[in-house]
């Protein structure tokens, strides 16, 4: 059966191409010292707890250290920046 499929031109034209669209994987930069390269992401919207309804996740790529900060989805970018400064 496998030989038939590889020799059949109709099968080859209809076969899904799974390889040509893949891009080269590039590793994330890790930096050379603490807190030089970080990743920030939000988890939410979650059920409310102590008036917070989301979690701010901050990861240092060099040490893999992680911080989880409770936040609100209604916060502005200034509020999030202050939370980062005061908690990390």
PDB file of N, CA and C in Angstrom:
ATOM      1  N   UNK A   1       0.818  -1.197   0.000  1.00  0.00           N
ATOM      2  CA  UNK A   1       0.000   0.000   0.000  1.00  0.00           C
ATOM      3  C   UNK A   1       0.869   1.270   0.000  1.00  0.00           C
ATOM      4  N   UNK A   2       1.927   1.276   0.825  1.00  0.00           N
ATOM      5  CA  UNK A   2       2.802   2.449   0.905  1.00  0.00           C
ATOM      6  C   UNK A   2       3.465   2.723  -0.441  1.00  0.00           C
ATOM      7  N   UNK A   3       3.871   1.674  -1.149  1.00  0.00           N
ATOM      8  CA  UNK A   3       4.511   1.839  -2.453  1.00  0.00           C
ATOM      9  C   UNK A   3       3.520   2.446  -3.450  1.00  0.00           C
ATOM     10  N   UNK A   4       2.258   2.010  -3.395  1.00  0.00           N
ATOM     11  CA  UNK A   4       1.241   2.540  -4.293  1.00  0.00           C
ATOM     12  C   UNK A   4       1.061   4.042  -4.062  1.00  0.00           C
ATOM     13  N   UNK A   5       1.002   4.449  -2.808  1.00  0.00           N
ATOM     14  CA  UNK A   5       0.793   5.863  -2.494  1.00  0.00           C
ATOM     15  C   UNK A   5       1.985   6.702  -2.951  1.00  0.00           C
ATOM     16  N   UNK A   6       3.211   6.209  -2.754  1.00  0.00           N
ATOM     17  CA  UNK A   6       4.383   6.992  -3.153  1.00  0.00           C
ATOM     18  C   UNK A   6       4.529   7.097  -4.664  1.00  0.00           C
ATOM     19  N   UNK A   7       3.969   6.154  -5.419  1.00  0.00           N
ATOM     20  CA  UNK A   7       4.075   6.181  -6.875  1.00  0.00           C
ATOM     21  C   UNK A   7       2.875   6.833  -7.552  1.00  0.00           C
ATOM     22  N   UNK A   8       1.798   7.027  -6.842  1.00  0.00           N
ATOM     23  CA  UNK A   8       0.571   7.581  -7.417  1.00  0.00           C
ATOM     24  C   UNK A   8       0.679   9.111  -7.481  1.00  0.00           C
ATOM     25  N   UNK A   9       0.630   9.686  -8.680  1.00  0.00           N
ATOM     26  CA  UNK A   9       0.761  11.136  -8.828  1.00  0.00           C
ATOM     27  C   UNK A   9      -0.437  11.867  -8.223  1.00  0.00           C
ATOM     28  N   UNK A  10      -1.602  11.279  -8.312  1.00  0.00           N
ATOM     29  CA  UNK A  10      -2.798  11.897  -7.732  1.00  0.00           C
ATOM     30  C   UNK A  10      -2.676  11.963  -6.212  1.00  0.00           C
ATOM     31  N   UNK A  11      -2.154  10.903  -5.604  1.00  0.00           N
ATOM     32  CA  UNK A  11      -1.959  10.887  -4.148  1.00  0.00           C
ATOM     33  C   UNK A  11      -0.924  11.931  -3.730  1.00  0.00           C
ATOM     34  N   UNK A  12       0.148  12.068  -4.494  1.00  0.00           N
ATOM     35  CA  UNK A  12       1.203  13.013  -4.167  1.00  0.00           C
ATOM     36  C   UNK A  12       0.722  14.453  -4.267  1.00  0.00           C
ATOM     37  N   UNK A  13      -0.134  14.750  -5.230  1.00  0.00           N
ATOM     38  CA  UNK A  13      -0.660  16.109  -5.384  1.00  0.00           C
ATOM     39  C   UNK A  13      -1.650  16.456  -4.280  1.00  0.00           C
ATOM     40  N   UNK A  14      -2.402  15.474  -3.801  1.00  0.00           N
ATOM     41  CA  UNK A  14      -3.414  15.723  -2.782  1.00  0.00           C
ATOM     42  C   UNK A  14      -2.846  15.663  -1.367  1.00  0.00           C
ATOM     43  N   UNK A  15      -1.651  15.120  -1.216  1.00  0.00           N
ATOM     44  CA  UNK A  15      -1.048  14.966   0.101  1.00  0.00           C
ATOM     45  C   UNK A  15      -0.720  16.334   0.705  1.00  0.00           C
ATOM     46  N   UNK A  16      -1.022  16.483   1.987  1.00  0.00           N
ATOM     47  CA  UNK A  16      -0.738  17.744   2.668  1.00  0.00           C
ATOM     48  C   UNK A  16       0.764  17.937   2.829  1.00  0.00           C
ATOM     49  N   UNK A  17       1.233  19.146   2.551  1.00  0.00           N
ATOM     50  CA  UNK A  17       2.650  19.482   2.702  1.00  0.00           C
ATOM     51  C   UNK A  17       2.878  19.955   4.140  1.00  0.00           C
ATOM     52  N   UNK A  18       3.578  19.157   4.920  1.00  0.00           N
ATOM     53  CA  UNK A  18       3.798  19.477   6.319  1.00  0.00           C
ATOM     54  C   UNK A  18       5.203  20.012   6.601  1.00  0.00           C
ATOM     55  N   UNK A  19       6.054  20.123   5.603  1.00  0.00           N
ATOM     56  CA  UNK A  19       7.440  20.456   5.860  1.00  0.00           C
ATOM     57  C   UNK A  19       7.901  21.781   5.265  1.00  0.00           C
ATOM     58  N   UNK A  20       7.414  22.196   4.128  1.00  0.00           N
ATOM     59  CA  UNK A  20       7.956  23.387   3.474  1.00  0.00           C
ATOM     60  C   UNK A  20       7.603  24.680   4.203  1.00  0.00           C
ATOM     61  N   UNK A  21       6.542  24.687   5.005  1.00  0.00           N
ATOM     62  CA  UNK A  21       6.121  25.912   5.674  1.00  0.00           C
ATOM     63  C   UNK A  21       6.745  26.083   7.051  1.00  0.00           C
ATOM     64  N   UNK A  22       7.517  25.118   7.508  1.00  0.00           N
ATOM     65  CA  UNK A  22       8.133  25.236   8.821  1.00  0.00           C
ATOM     66  C   UNK A  22       9.288  26.224   8.746  1.00  0.00           C
ATOM     67  N   UNK A  23       9.368  27.059   9.762  1.00  0.00           N
ATOM     68  CA  UNK A  23      10.459  28.016   9.819  1.00  0.00           C
ATOM     69  C   UNK A  23      11.546  27.499  10.752  1.00  0.00           C
ATOM     70  N   UNK A  24      12.691  28.078  10.629  1.00  0.00           N
ATOM     71  CA  UNK A  24      13.819  27.684  11.459  1.00  0.00           C
ATOM     72  C   UNK A  24      13.549  28.099  12.902  1.00  0.00           C
ATOM     73  N   UNK A  25      13.800  27.196  13.836  1.00  0.00           N
ATOM     74  CA  UNK A  25      13.620  27.511  15.244  1.00  0.00           C
ATOM     75  C   UNK A  25      14.811  28.321  15.735  1.00  0.00           C
ATOM     76  N   UNK A  26      14.524  29.396  16.424  1.00  0.00           N
ATOM     77  CA  UNK A  26      15.563  30.259  16.953  1.00  0.00           C
ATOM     78  C   UNK A  26      15.396  30.305  18.473  1.00  0.00           C
ATOM     79  N   UNK A  27      16.426  29.926  19.229  1.00  0.00           N
ATOM     80  CA  UNK A  27      16.288  29.936  20.688  1.00  0.00           C
ATOM     81  C   UNK A  27      16.153  31.353  21.223  1.00  0.00           C
ATOM     82  N   UNK A  28      15.439  31.465  22.332  1.00  0.00           N
ATOM     83  CA  UNK A  28      15.279  32.753  22.993  1.00  0.00           C
ATOM     84  C   UNK A  28      16.624  33.173  23.592  1.00  0.00           C
ATOM     85  N   UNK A  29      16.949  34.468  23.541  1.00  0.00           N
ATOM     86  CA  UNK A  29      18.194  34.915  24.169  1.00  0.00           C
ATOM     87  C   UNK A  29      18.103  34.758  25.685  1.00  0.00           C
ATOM     88  N   UNK A  30      19.195  34.352  26.315  1.00  0.00           N
ATOM     89  CA  UNK A  30      19.188  34.147  27.763  1.00  0.00           C
ATOM     90  C   UNK A  30      19.856  35.289  28.509  1.00  0.00           C
ATOM     91  N   UNK A  31      20.600  36.114  27.833  1.00  0.00           N
ATOM     92  CA  UNK A  31      21.308  37.195  28.500  1.00  0.00           C
ATOM     93  C   UNK A  31      22.565  36.680  29.169  1.00  0.00           C
ATOM     94  N   UNK A  32      23.338  37.602  29.706  1.00  0.00           N
ATOM     95  CA  UNK A  32      24.591  37.240  30.358  1.00  0.00           C
ATOM     96  C   UNK A  32      24.586  37.528  31.845  1.00  0.00           C
ATOM     97  N   UNK A  33      23.509  38.109  32.358  1.00  0.00           N
ATOM     98  CA  UNK A  33      23.409  38.385  33.793  1.00  0.00           C
ATOM     99  C   UNK A  33      21.930  38.419  34.194  1.00  0.00           C
ATOM    100  N   UNK A  34      21.698  38.514  35.494  1.00  0.00           N
ATOM    101  CA  UNK A  34      20.335  38.502  36.030  1.00  0.00           C
ATOM    102  C   UNK A  34      19.492  39.632  35.456  1.00  0.00           C
ATOM    103  N   UNK A  35      18.285  39.345  35.124  1.00  0.00           N
ATOM    104  CA  UNK A  35      17.264  40.298  34.695  1.00  0.00           C
ATOM    105  C   UNK A  35      17.632  41.089  33.447  1.00  0.00           C
ATOM    106  N   UNK A  36      18.535  40.566  32.643  1.00  0.00           N
ATOM    107  CA  UNK A  36      18.868  41.222  31.379  1.00  0.00           C
ATOM    108  C   UNK A  36      17.820  40.890  30.311  1.00  0.00           C
ATOM    109  N   UNK A  37      17.342  39.652  30.304  1.00  0.00           N
ATOM    110  CA  UNK A  37      16.293  39.211  29.381  1.00  0.00           C
ATOM    111  C   UNK A  37      15.157  38.622  30.200  1.00  0.00           C
ATOM    112  N   UNK A  38      13.975  39.214  30.088  1.00  0.00           N
ATOM    113  CA  UNK A  38      12.829  38.705  30.843  1.00  0.00           C
ATOM    114  C   UNK A  38      11.646  38.467  29.908  1.00  0.00           C
ATOM    115  N   UNK A  39      10.720  37.672  30.389  1.00  0.00           N
ATOM    116  CA  UNK A  39       9.452  37.451  29.690  1.00  0.00           C
ATOM    117  C   UNK A  39       8.337  37.822  30.653  1.00  0.00           C
ATOM    118  N   UNK A  40       7.327  38.488  30.133  1.00  0.00           N
ATOM    119  CA  UNK A  40       6.175  38.892  30.940  1.00  0.00           C
ATOM    120  C   UNK A  40       4.913  38.420  30.243  1.00  0.00           C
ATOM    121  N   UNK A  41       4.005  37.834  31.023  1.00  0.00           N
ATOM    122  CA  UNK A  41       2.747  37.363  30.454  1.00  0.00           C
ATOM    123  C   UNK A  41       1.661  37.458  31.513  1.00  0.00           C
ATOM    124  N   UNK A  42       0.415  37.433  31.065  1.00  0.00           N
ATOM    125  CA  UNK A  42      -0.730  37.473  31.965  1.00  0.00           C
ATOM    126  C   UNK A  42      -1.496  36.170  31.881  1.00  0.00           C
ATOM    127  N   UNK A  43      -2.007  35.722  33.018  1.00  0.00           N
ATOM    128  CA  UNK A  43      -2.938  34.611  33.067  1.00  0.00           C
ATOM    129  C   UNK A  43      -4.253  35.195  33.562  1.00  0.00           C
ATOM    130  N   UNK A  44      -5.285  35.056  32.808  1.00  0.00           N
ATOM    131  CA  UNK A  44      -6.570  35.605  33.243  1.00  0.00           C
ATOM    132  C   UNK A  44      -7.464  35.786  32.050  1.00  0.00           C
ATOM    133  N   UNK A  45      -8.625  36.055  32.264  1.00  0.00           N
ATOM    134  CA  UNK A  45      -9.305  36.503  33.452  1.00  0.00           C
ATOM    135  C   UNK A  45      -9.734  35.290  34.275  1.00  0.00           C
ATOM    136  N   UNK A  46      -9.471  35.362  35.578  1.00  0.00           N
ATOM    137  CA  UNK A  46      -9.734  34.271  36.497  1.00  0.00           C
ATOM    138  C   UNK A  46     -10.868  34.652  37.442  1.00  0.00           C
ATOM    139  N   UNK A  47     -11.414  33.686  38.164  1.00  0.00           N
ATOM    140  CA  UNK A  47     -12.398  34.041  39.194  1.00  0.00           C
ATOM    141  C   UNK A  47     -11.744  34.959  40.234  1.00  0.00           C
ATOM    142  N   UNK A  48     -12.483  35.930  40.696  1.00  0.00           N
ATOM    143  CA  UNK A  48     -11.936  36.934  41.600  1.00  0.00           C
ATOM    144  C   UNK A  48     -11.562  36.337  42.952  1.00  0.00           C
ATOM    145  N   UNK A  49     -10.396  36.762  43.454  1.00  0.00           N
ATOM    146  CA  UNK A  49      -9.907  36.337  44.764  1.00  0.00           C
ATOM    147  C   UNK A  49      -9.181  37.508  45.399  1.00  0.00           C
ATOM    148  N   UNK A  50      -9.637  37.947  46.557  1.00  0.00           N
ATOM    149  CA  UNK A  50      -9.065  39.118  47.246  1.00  0.00           C
ATOM    150  C   UNK A  50      -9.020  40.334  46.327  1.00  0.00           C
ATOM    151  N   UNK A  51     -10.021  40.500  45.521  1.00  0.00           N
ATOM    152  CA  UNK A  51     -10.231  41.595  44.560  1.00  0.00           C
ATOM    153  C   UNK A  51      -9.318  41.517  43.330  1.00  0.00           C
ATOM    154  N   UNK A  52      -8.508  40.481  43.191  1.00  0.00           N
ATOM    155  CA  UNK A  52      -7.677  40.290  42.004  1.00  0.00           C
ATOM    156  C   UNK A  52      -8.323  39.254  41.086  1.00  0.00           C
ATOM    157  N   UNK A  53      -8.134  39.410  39.770  1.00  0.00           N
ATOM    158  CA  UNK A  53      -8.738  38.455  38.839  1.00  0.00           C
ATOM    159  C   UNK A  53      -7.781  38.009  37.724  1.00  0.00           C
ATOM    160  N   UNK A  54      -6.478  38.236  37.927  1.00  0.00           N
ATOM    161  CA  UNK A  54      -5.487  37.795  36.944  1.00  0.00           C
ATOM    162  C   UNK A  54      -4.146  37.615  37.647  1.00  0.00           C
ATOM    163  N   UNK A  55      -3.207  36.998  36.942  1.00  0.00           N
ATOM    164  CA  UNK A  55      -1.862  36.789  37.478  1.00  0.00           C
ATOM    165  C   UNK A  55      -0.854  37.310  36.458  1.00  0.00           C
ATOM    166  N   UNK A  56       0.076  38.125  36.933  1.00  0.00           N
ATOM    167  CA  UNK A  56       1.179  38.602  36.111  1.00  0.00           C
ATOM    168  C   UNK A  56       2.352  37.663  36.343  1.00  0.00           C
ATOM    169  N   UNK A  57       2.885  37.083  35.269  1.00  0.00           N
ATOM    170  CA  UNK A  57       4.009  36.150  35.361  1.00  0.00           C
ATOM    171  C   UNK A  57       5.241  36.819  34.776  1.00  0.00           C
ATOM    172  N   UNK A  58       6.316  36.862  35.561  1.00  0.00           N
ATOM    173  CA  UNK A  58       7.574  37.443  35.112  1.00  0.00           C
ATOM    174  C   UNK A  58       8.650  36.371  35.259  1.00  0.00           C
ATOM    175  N   UNK A  59       9.389  36.102  34.176  1.00  0.00           N
ATOM    176  CA  UNK A  59      10.418  35.063  34.182  1.00  0.00           C
ATOM    177  C   UNK A  59      11.743  35.653  33.719  1.00  0.00           C
ATOM    178  N   UNK A  60      12.789  35.423  34.512  1.00  0.00           N
ATOM    179  CA  UNK A  60      14.141  35.807  34.123  1.00  0.00           C
ATOM    180  C   UNK A  60      14.721  34.668  33.289  1.00  0.00           C
ATOM    181  N   UNK A  61      15.107  34.944  32.056  1.00  0.00           N
ATOM    182  CA  UNK A  61      15.610  33.895  31.167  1.00  0.00           C
ATOM    183  C   UNK A  61      16.956  33.330  31.615  1.00  0.00           C
ATOM    184  N   UNK A  62      17.766  34.121  32.304  1.00  0.00           N
ATOM    185  CA  UNK A  62      19.094  33.671  32.709  1.00  0.00           C
ATOM    186  C   UNK A  62      19.024  32.634  33.829  1.00  0.00           C
ATOM    187  N   UNK A  63      18.214  32.913  34.876  1.00  0.00           N
ATOM    188  CA  UNK A  63      18.131  32.013  36.032  1.00  0.00           C
ATOM    189  C   UNK A  63      16.885  31.147  36.029  1.00  0.00           C
ATOM    190  N   UNK A  64      15.930  31.447  35.146  1.00  0.00           N
ATOM    191  CA  UNK A  64      14.629  30.776  35.113  1.00  0.00           C
ATOM    192  C   UNK A  64      13.799  31.081  36.368  1.00  0.00           C
ATOM    193  N   UNK A  65      14.178  32.133  37.106  1.00  0.00           N
ATOM    194  CA  UNK A  65      13.441  32.554  38.286  1.00  0.00           C
ATOM    195  C   UNK A  65      12.082  33.109  37.845  1.00  0.00           C
ATOM    196  N   UNK A  66      11.048  32.758  38.605  1.00  0.00           N
ATOM    197  CA  UNK A  66       9.695  33.147  38.236  1.00  0.00           C
ATOM    198  C   UNK A  66       9.030  33.922  39.361  1.00  0.00           C
ATOM    199  N   UNK A  67       8.291  34.944  38.985  1.00  0.00           N
ATOM    200  CA  UNK A  67       7.485  35.710  39.927  1.00  0.00           C
ATOM    201  C   UNK A  67       6.042  35.670  39.458  1.00  0.00           C
ATOM    202  N   UNK A  68       5.144  35.465  40.408  1.00  0.00           N
ATOM    203  CA  UNK A  68       3.712  35.459  40.125  1.00  0.00           C
ATOM    204  C   UNK A  68       3.078  36.552  40.984  1.00  0.00           C
ATOM    205  N   UNK A  69       2.505  37.533  40.332  1.00  0.00           N
ATOM    206  CA  UNK A  69       1.962  38.696  41.027  1.00  0.00           C
ATOM    207  C   UNK A  69       0.461  38.789  40.741  1.00  0.00           C
ATOM    208  N   UNK A  70      -0.376  38.841  41.786  1.00  0.00           N
ATOM    209  CA  UNK A  70      -1.816  39.009  41.543  1.00  0.00           C
ATOM    210  C   UNK A  70      -2.098  40.422  41.024  1.00  0.00           C
ATOM    211  N   UNK A  71      -2.903  40.520  39.981  1.00  0.00           N
ATOM    212  CA  UNK A  71      -3.239  41.805  39.370  1.00  0.00           C
ATOM    213  C   UNK A  71      -4.726  41.823  39.011  1.00  0.00           C
ATOM    214  N   UNK A  72      -5.158  42.980  38.544  1.00  0.00           N
ATOM    215  CA  UNK A  72      -6.531  43.133  38.063  1.00  0.00           C
ATOM    216  C   UNK A  72      -6.490  43.394  36.553  1.00  0.00           C
ATOM    217  N   UNK A  73      -7.449  42.877  35.838  1.00  0.00           N
ATOM    218  CA  UNK A  73      -7.481  43.102  34.389  1.00  0.00           C
ATOM    219  C   UNK A  73      -7.799  44.547  34.043  1.00  0.00           C
ATOM    220  N   UNK A  74      -8.311  45.304  34.987  1.00  0.00           N
ATOM    221  CA  UNK A  74      -8.640  46.711  34.730  1.00  0.00           C
ATOM    222  C   UNK A  74      -7.442  47.639  34.923  1.00  0.00           C
ATOM    223  N   UNK A  75      -6.315  47.114  35.357  1.00  0.00           N
ATOM    224  CA  UNK A  75      -5.140  47.938  35.589  1.00  0.00           C
ATOM    225  C   UNK A  75      -4.589  48.522  34.293  1.00  0.00           C
ATOM    226  N   UNK A  76      -3.969  49.688  34.421  1.00  0.00           N
ATOM    227  CA  UNK A  76      -3.310  50.327  33.284  1.00  0.00           C
ATOM    228  C   UNK A  76      -1.870  49.815  33.205  1.00  0.00           C
ATOM    229  N   UNK A  77      -1.161  50.206  32.162  1.00  0.00           N
ATOM    230  CA  UNK A  77       0.236  49.802  32.022  1.00  0.00           C
ATOM    231  C   UNK A  77       1.087  50.388  33.152  1.00  0.00           C
ATOM    232  N   UNK A  78       0.718  51.552  33.631  1.00  0.00           N
ATOM    233  CA  UNK A  78       1.455  52.155  34.748  1.00  0.00           C
ATOM    234  C   UNK A  78       1.289  51.326  36.016  1.00  0.00           C
ATOM    235  N   UNK A  79       0.077  50.830  36.262  1.00  0.00           N
ATOM    236  CA  UNK A  79      -0.174  49.981  37.423  1.00  0.00           C
ATOM    237  C   UNK A  79       0.644  48.688  37.343  1.00  0.00           C
ATOM    238  N   UNK A  80       0.700  48.093  36.158  1.00  0.00           N
ATOM    239  CA  UNK A  80       1.461  46.858  35.961  1.00  0.00           C
ATOM    240  C   UNK A  80       2.952  47.119  36.154  1.00  0.00           C
ATOM    241  N   UNK A  81       3.456  48.243  35.625  1.00  0.00           N
ATOM    242  CA  UNK A  81       4.876  48.591  35.780  1.00  0.00           C
ATOM    243  C   UNK A  81       5.212  48.781  37.253  1.00  0.00           C
ATOM    244  N   UNK A  82       4.341  49.432  37.999  1.00  0.00           N
ATOM    245  CA  UNK A  82       4.572  49.616  39.438  1.00  0.00           C
ATOM    246  C   UNK A  82       4.564  48.288  40.168  1.00  0.00           C
ATOM    247  N   UNK A  83       3.676  47.390  39.795  1.00  0.00           N
ATOM    248  CA  UNK A  83       3.634  46.060  40.413  1.00  0.00           C
ATOM    249  C   UNK A  83       4.948  45.317  40.158  1.00  0.00           C
ATOM    250  N   UNK A  84       5.484  45.453  38.968  1.00  0.00           N
ATOM    251  CA  UNK A  84       6.770  44.815  38.644  1.00  0.00           C
ATOM    252  C   UNK A  84       7.883  45.409  39.505  1.00  0.00           C
ATOM    253  N   UNK A  85       7.938  46.732  39.597  1.00  0.00           N
ATOM    254  CA  UNK A  85       8.996  47.400  40.349  1.00  0.00           C
ATOM    255  C   UNK A  85       8.941  47.058  41.835  1.00  0.00           C
ATOM    256  N   UNK A  86       7.764  47.020  42.413  1.00  0.00           N
ATOM    257  CA  UNK A  86       7.634  46.783  43.840  1.00  0.00           C
ATOM    258  C   UNK A  86       7.777  45.326  44.225  1.00  0.00           C
ATOM    259  N   UNK A  87       7.519  44.404  43.318  1.00  0.00           N
ATOM    260  CA  UNK A  87       7.525  42.977  43.657  1.00  0.00           C
ATOM    261  C   UNK A  87       8.748  42.217  43.200  1.00  0.00           C
ATOM    262  N   UNK A  88       9.487  42.759  42.266  1.00  0.00           N
ATOM    263  CA  UNK A  88      10.629  41.997  41.738  1.00  0.00           C
ATOM    264  C   UNK A  88      11.927  42.579  42.250  1.00  0.00           C
TER     265      UNK A  88
END
